[in-house]
Amino acid sequence: MGKMRDKEKAVVGLGLVGLVFGGIYLATRL
């Protein structure tokens, strides 16, 4: 059960990082 929670946390973390870097990328393009 603990490993599933860690995996879920990693997925959420990657999603947030993707949004942040995606926003920075778009901002620099504009």
C-alpha atoms as a PDB file:
ATOM      1  CA  MET A   1       0.000   0.000   0.000  1.00  0.00           C
ATOM      2  CA  GLY A   2       2.830   2.403   0.877  1.00  0.00           C
ATOM      3  CA  LYS A   3       4.491   1.919  -2.509  1.00  0.00           C
ATOM      4  CA  MET A   4       1.258   2.746  -4.334  1.00  0.00           C
ATOM      5  CA  ARG A   5       0.985   5.980  -2.361  1.00  0.00           C
ATOM      6  CA  ASP A   6       4.593   6.893  -3.229  1.00  0.00           C
ATOM      7  CA  LYS A   7       3.906   6.177  -6.905  1.00  0.00           C
ATOM      8  CA  GLU A   8       0.781   8.325  -6.788  1.00  0.00           C
ATOM      9  CA  LYS A   9       2.738  11.142  -5.106  1.00  0.00           C
ATOM     10  CA  ALA A  10       5.451  10.897  -7.796  1.00  0.00           C
ATOM     11  CA  VAL A  11       2.852  11.122 -10.579  1.00  0.00           C
ATOM     12  CA  VAL A  12       1.254  14.196  -8.997  1.00  0.00           C
ATOM     13  CA  GLY A  13       4.678  15.762  -8.480  1.00  0.00           C
ATOM     14  CA  LEU A  14       5.637  15.187 -12.121  1.00  0.00           C
ATOM     15  CA  GLY A  15       2.322  16.696 -13.225  1.00  0.00           C
ATOM     16  CA  LEU A  16       2.917  19.837 -11.164  1.00  0.00           C
ATOM     17  CA  VAL A  17       6.499  20.164 -12.412  1.00  0.00           C
ATOM     18  CA  GLY A  18       5.235  19.718 -15.976  1.00  0.00           C
ATOM     19  CA  LEU A  19       2.696  22.509 -15.497  1.00  0.00           C
ATOM     20  CA  VAL A  20       5.287  24.865 -14.006  1.00  0.00           C
ATOM     21  CA  PHE A  21       7.901  24.279 -16.707  1.00  0.00           C
ATOM     22  CA  GLY A  22       5.203  24.272 -19.392  1.00  0.00           C
ATOM     23  CA  GLY A  23       4.030  27.694 -18.189  1.00  0.00           C
ATOM     24  CA  ILE A  24       7.576  29.065 -18.116  1.00  0.00           C
ATOM     25  CA  TYR A  25       8.193  27.693 -21.620  1.00  0.00           C
ATOM     26  CA  LEU A  26       5.031  29.294 -22.976  1.00  0.00           C
ATOM     27  CA  ALA A  27       5.808  32.570 -21.181  1.00  0.00           C
ATOM     28  CA  THR A  28       9.271  32.729 -22.751  1.00  0.00           C
ATOM     29  CA  ARG A  29       7.798  31.972 -26.182  1.00  0.00           C
ATOM     30  CA  LEU A  30       5.362  34.893 -25.850  1.00  0.00           C
END
